[in-house]
Amino acid sequence: MVLTSGGAALLPHARACLAAAASAVLEFADRSGLLSGAFALGTVGGLEGTGIPRLLGEYHRRYPRVAVSLIGASSPSPLVKVRDGEIDAAVVAGPPDGEPAAVASRVLLEDRIVAVLPAGSRPANRPMTLDEAVRSPVISYGPDSGVHAFIRAAFAAEELRLDIAYGTNDVALQLALVAERIGVALTSHASPVLAADRRFVVVPLEPAIRLRKMFVWRAGTRPSAPLRAFLDLWTELSDRPARDGAVPGATTGG
């Protein structure tokens, strides 16, 4: 069976009608508290120290019929998947040259890169210059991490060659290598792994390497009902402090 010429002309309109009807069903379900469907979120490491777990917890309690899937990967890959419509949203490291293209975004986290050394090897209040950092073997993120580009750009701006001897996106492994006195780690200050670990001293870099983690979704199209519900919940919780005083999106790396 094949479509007639009239049927072929009508097909796009029929598809648009079906899509509108499906959207109306989801919209009604959203407003009535019966929201269902799927919500795919691309994630990166270190989100345990942000407002995302709290958001997902409240989202689950309000919309238990939404199937949430977390897609773990380094930053460039989720951004491409968002642009291609493969996933609904993602958390990525914002590119050094500005806002990510072809996506809408919200700032999740203001962060900075710090140097981590064995305890006692340097006073915590004495910044490390980038020139000093490259004199030791550098332990930092691999090229598949969005943070990698920030670090590279900062050293290039100082006309310094950066050779990362041990590249891993696992901050806990970075610190394990520092504990073995292999070198100095350049890592995210916001990582919870750094908190209150007496084996290490954490010092600021000079000049500072600042970065943002962004929550992004596809621009130019109406977000799905599950994504809209997530964004609305984020706005609501941002206006209402958590029990511990933390607010989604307000976590900073100092």
Protein backbone atom coordinates (compact mmCIF):
# COMPACT_ATOMS: atom_id res chain seq x y z
CA MET A 1 0.00 0.00 0.00
CA VAL A 2 1.19 3.49 -0.83
CA LEU A 3 -0.14 6.96 -0.09
CA THR A 4 -1.94 8.90 -2.74
CA SER A 5 -0.70 12.41 -3.51
CA GLY A 6 -3.47 13.78 -1.31
CA GLY A 7 -2.51 11.42 1.51
CA ALA A 8 1.13 12.46 1.24
CA ALA A 9 0.10 16.11 1.53
CA LEU A 10 -2.07 15.35 4.57
CA LEU A 11 0.49 13.18 6.40
CA PRO A 12 2.56 16.01 8.00
CA HIS A 13 -0.63 17.65 9.29
CA ALA A 14 -1.86 14.34 10.70
CA ARG A 15 1.45 13.81 12.48
CA ALA A 16 1.29 17.35 13.89
CA CYS A 17 -2.23 16.69 15.19
CA LEU A 18 -1.14 13.46 16.89
CA ALA A 19 1.89 15.20 18.44
CA ALA A 20 -0.31 18.03 19.70
CA ALA A 21 -2.76 15.54 21.20
CA ALA A 22 0.06 13.67 22.95
CA SER A 23 1.46 16.96 24.27
CA ALA A 24 -1.97 17.93 25.58
CA VAL A 25 -2.25 14.63 27.43
CA LEU A 26 1.15 15.13 29.06
CA GLU A 27 0.32 18.75 29.90
CA PHE A 28 -2.92 17.69 31.61
CA ALA A 29 -1.12 14.92 33.46
CA ASP A 30 1.53 17.40 34.58
CA ARG A 31 -1.05 19.81 35.95
CA SER A 32 -3.05 17.07 37.65
CA GLY A 33 -0.03 15.54 39.37
CA LEU A 34 -0.17 12.38 37.24
CA LEU A 35 2.83 13.17 35.07
CA SER A 36 4.40 10.13 33.41
CA GLY A 37 6.85 9.49 30.60
CA ALA A 38 10.63 9.42 30.49
CA PHE A 39 13.35 11.89 31.48
CA ALA A 40 16.93 11.16 30.37
CA LEU A 41 19.64 13.24 32.08
CA GLY A 42 23.31 13.19 31.10
CA THR A 43 25.59 13.44 34.12
CA VAL A 44 29.25 14.07 34.92
CA GLY A 45 31.34 13.33 37.98
CA GLY A 46 31.04 15.42 41.13
CA LEU A 47 27.27 15.98 41.05
CA GLU A 48 26.94 14.55 44.55
CA GLY A 49 28.21 17.93 45.80
CA THR A 50 25.54 19.94 43.94
CA GLY A 51 21.80 20.45 44.24
CA ILE A 52 21.04 17.77 41.63
CA PRO A 53 20.50 14.87 44.12
CA ARG A 54 18.04 16.97 46.12
CA LEU A 55 16.21 17.96 42.93
CA LEU A 56 15.98 14.34 41.77
CA GLY A 57 14.76 13.25 45.19
CA GLU A 58 11.92 15.76 45.26
CA TYR A 59 11.17 15.06 41.59
CA HIS A 60 10.79 11.35 42.35
CA ARG A 61 8.45 12.05 45.25
CA ARG A 62 6.22 14.30 43.17
CA TYR A 63 6.34 12.42 39.87
CA PRO A 64 6.95 8.74 40.66
CA ARG A 65 5.50 7.68 37.31
CA VAL A 66 8.28 9.42 35.35
CA ALA A 67 11.07 6.99 34.44
CA VAL A 68 14.31 8.90 35.11
CA SER A 69 17.50 7.58 33.52
CA LEU A 70 20.97 8.95 34.27
CA ILE A 71 23.42 8.75 31.37
CA GLY A 72 26.97 8.99 32.67
CA ALA A 73 29.65 10.35 30.36
CA SER A 74 32.23 13.12 30.05
CA SER A 75 30.98 16.58 29.12
CA PRO A 76 31.38 16.75 25.32
CA SER A 77 29.34 13.60 24.70
CA PRO A 78 26.19 14.60 26.68
CA LEU A 79 26.19 18.02 25.01
CA VAL A 80 26.08 16.39 21.57
CA LYS A 81 23.33 14.03 22.72
CA VAL A 82 21.25 16.98 23.93
CA ARG A 83 21.70 18.82 20.64
CA ASP A 84 20.72 15.70 18.70
CA GLY A 85 17.67 15.09 20.87
CA GLU A 86 18.95 11.75 22.18
CA ILE A 87 18.57 12.85 25.82
CA ASP A 88 16.42 15.54 27.44
CA ALA A 89 19.10 17.44 29.34
CA ALA A 90 22.63 17.15 30.71
CA VAL A 91 25.10 18.66 33.12
CA VAL A 92 28.26 19.75 31.31
CA ALA A 93 31.28 21.95 31.88
CA GLY A 94 30.55 25.24 30.14
CA PRO A 95 33.05 25.82 27.31
CA PRO A 96 35.84 28.37 27.98
CA ASP A 97 34.73 30.55 25.05
CA GLY A 98 31.19 31.25 26.33
CA GLU A 99 27.78 29.65 26.56
CA PRO A 100 27.25 26.27 24.84
CA ALA A 101 25.79 26.73 21.35
CA ALA A 102 22.33 25.50 20.26
CA VAL A 103 21.18 24.78 23.82
CA ALA A 104 19.34 26.60 26.58
CA SER A 105 21.17 26.57 29.90
CA ARG A 106 21.20 27.35 33.60
CA VAL A 107 24.27 27.69 35.80
CA LEU A 108 24.42 24.81 38.25
CA LEU A 109 27.80 25.39 39.85
CA GLU A 110 30.51 28.06 39.99
CA ASP A 111 33.80 26.26 40.53
CA ARG A 112 37.56 26.66 40.28
CA ILE A 113 40.55 24.41 39.79
CA VAL A 114 42.92 23.95 42.73
CA ALA A 115 46.25 22.24 43.27
CA VAL A 116 46.32 19.24 45.62
CA LEU A 117 49.59 18.12 47.21
CA PRO A 118 50.62 15.83 50.07
CA ALA A 119 50.00 17.37 53.50
CA GLY A 120 52.94 19.35 54.86
CA SER A 121 54.51 19.98 51.48
CA ARG A 122 53.18 23.54 51.17
CA PRO A 123 51.22 26.06 53.30
CA ALA A 124 47.54 26.11 52.38
CA ASN A 125 47.54 29.91 52.17
CA ARG A 126 50.37 30.06 49.66
CA PRO A 127 48.98 30.04 46.07
CA MET A 128 50.71 27.96 43.42
CA THR A 129 51.52 29.66 40.14
CA LEU A 130 50.86 27.79 36.92
CA ASP A 131 54.60 27.94 36.21
CA GLU A 132 55.25 26.09 39.49
CA ALA A 133 52.58 23.50 38.69
CA VAL A 134 54.24 22.34 35.46
CA ARG A 135 57.53 21.71 37.26
CA SER A 136 56.02 18.56 38.79
CA PRO A 137 54.23 15.68 37.09
CA VAL A 138 50.64 16.85 36.63
CA ILE A 139 47.67 14.68 37.55
CA SER A 140 44.41 15.97 36.11
CA TYR A 141 41.41 15.31 33.88
CA GLY A 142 41.69 13.45 30.59
CA PRO A 143 40.96 15.05 27.19
CA ASP A 144 37.46 13.54 27.18
CA SER A 145 36.49 15.79 30.11
CA GLY A 146 34.98 19.22 29.55
CA VAL A 147 37.13 20.56 32.41
CA HIS A 148 40.26 19.60 30.48
CA ALA A 149 39.71 22.46 28.00
CA PHE A 150 39.58 25.07 30.78
CA ILE A 151 42.88 23.92 32.23
CA ARG A 152 44.57 23.76 28.84
CA ALA A 153 43.35 27.25 27.93
CA ALA A 154 44.61 28.73 31.20
CA PHE A 155 48.13 27.36 30.74
CA ALA A 156 48.18 28.38 27.07
CA ALA A 157 47.25 31.95 28.08
CA GLU A 158 50.38 32.00 30.25
CA GLU A 159 52.39 30.56 27.33
CA LEU A 160 53.11 27.43 29.33
CA ARG A 161 53.23 23.91 27.99
CA LEU A 162 51.03 21.56 29.98
CA ASP A 163 51.81 17.85 29.87
CA ILE A 164 49.34 15.83 31.91
CA ALA A 165 51.28 12.79 33.09
CA TYR A 166 48.28 10.99 34.61
CA GLY A 167 44.90 11.81 33.08
CA THR A 168 41.78 10.51 34.81
CA ASN A 169 38.33 11.96 35.42
CA ASP A 170 38.07 10.04 38.70
CA VAL A 171 38.98 12.61 41.39
CA ALA A 172 39.39 9.91 44.02
CA LEU A 173 42.02 8.26 41.82
CA GLN A 174 43.72 11.61 41.26
CA LEU A 175 44.07 11.99 45.02
CA ALA A 176 45.29 8.42 45.45
CA LEU A 177 48.12 9.23 43.04
CA VAL A 178 48.93 12.39 45.01
CA ALA A 179 49.07 10.26 48.18
CA GLU A 180 51.70 8.15 46.42
CA ARG A 181 53.68 11.37 45.83
CA ILE A 182 53.58 10.96 42.06
CA GLY A 183 52.83 14.62 41.41
CA VAL A 184 50.42 17.51 41.89
CA ALA A 185 46.72 17.16 41.06
CA LEU A 186 44.82 19.96 39.34
CA THR A 187 41.22 19.24 40.19
CA SER A 188 37.79 20.70 40.97
CA HIS A 189 37.56 22.52 44.28
CA ALA A 190 33.88 21.59 44.54
CA SER A 191 34.56 17.86 44.55
CA PRO A 192 33.30 16.35 47.84
CA VAL A 193 36.26 13.98 47.79
CA LEU A 194 38.50 16.87 48.88
CA ALA A 195 36.54 17.65 52.03
CA ALA A 196 38.41 17.28 55.33
CA ASP A 197 41.08 14.85 54.11
CA ARG A 198 44.14 15.42 56.25
CA ARG A 199 46.41 13.57 53.84
CA PHE A 200 46.39 16.55 51.47
CA VAL A 201 46.84 20.28 51.31
CA VAL A 202 44.62 22.18 48.86
CA VAL A 203 46.01 25.46 47.53
CA PRO A 204 44.61 28.02 45.07
CA LEU A 205 46.14 28.52 41.65
CA GLU A 206 47.48 31.85 40.42
CA PRO A 207 46.03 33.04 38.13
CA ALA A 208 42.75 31.38 39.07
CA ILE A 209 41.14 28.87 36.69
CA ARG A 210 37.39 29.35 37.05
CA LEU A 211 34.69 27.29 35.38
CA ARG A 212 30.98 26.61 35.44
CA LYS A 213 28.94 23.46 35.38
CA MET A 214 25.86 24.07 33.26
CA PHE A 215 22.49 22.35 33.08
CA VAL A 216 21.59 22.34 29.36
CA TRP A 217 18.65 21.30 27.22
CA ARG A 218 17.87 21.58 23.53
CA ALA A 219 17.01 25.08 22.32
CA GLY A 220 14.44 25.89 19.65
CA THR A 221 11.94 23.20 20.64
CA ARG A 222 9.34 23.04 23.40
CA PRO A 223 10.76 21.02 26.31
CA SER A 224 8.96 17.78 27.13
CA ALA A 225 6.52 17.82 30.04
CA PRO A 226 8.93 15.85 32.32
CA LEU A 227 11.73 18.34 31.57
CA ARG A 228 9.45 21.34 32.14
CA ALA A 229 8.40 19.85 35.47
CA PHE A 230 12.06 19.45 36.44
CA LEU A 231 12.89 23.07 35.52
CA ASP A 232 9.82 24.36 37.38
CA LEU A 233 10.81 22.34 40.45
CA TRP A 234 14.35 23.76 40.27
CA THR A 235 12.93 27.30 40.26
CA GLU A 236 10.66 26.49 43.18
CA LEU A 237 13.39 24.93 45.33
CA SER A 238 15.86 27.71 44.50
CA ASP A 239 13.49 30.09 46.29
CA ARG A 240 13.26 27.80 49.32
CA PRO A 241 16.40 26.86 51.31
CA ALA A 242 17.02 23.19 52.02
CA ARG A 243 17.23 21.86 55.57
CA ASP A 244 21.00 22.22 55.48
CA GLY A 245 20.86 25.68 53.89
CA ALA A 246 21.90 24.48 50.44
CA VAL A 247 19.99 25.71 47.42
CA PRO A 248 20.01 23.92 44.04
CA GLY A 249 22.31 25.75 41.68
CA ALA A 250 23.90 27.82 44.43
CA THR A 251 26.76 25.48 45.32
CA THR A 252 30.13 27.13 44.72
CA GLY A 253 33.70 26.04 44.64
CA GLY A 254 34.88 29.11 46.53
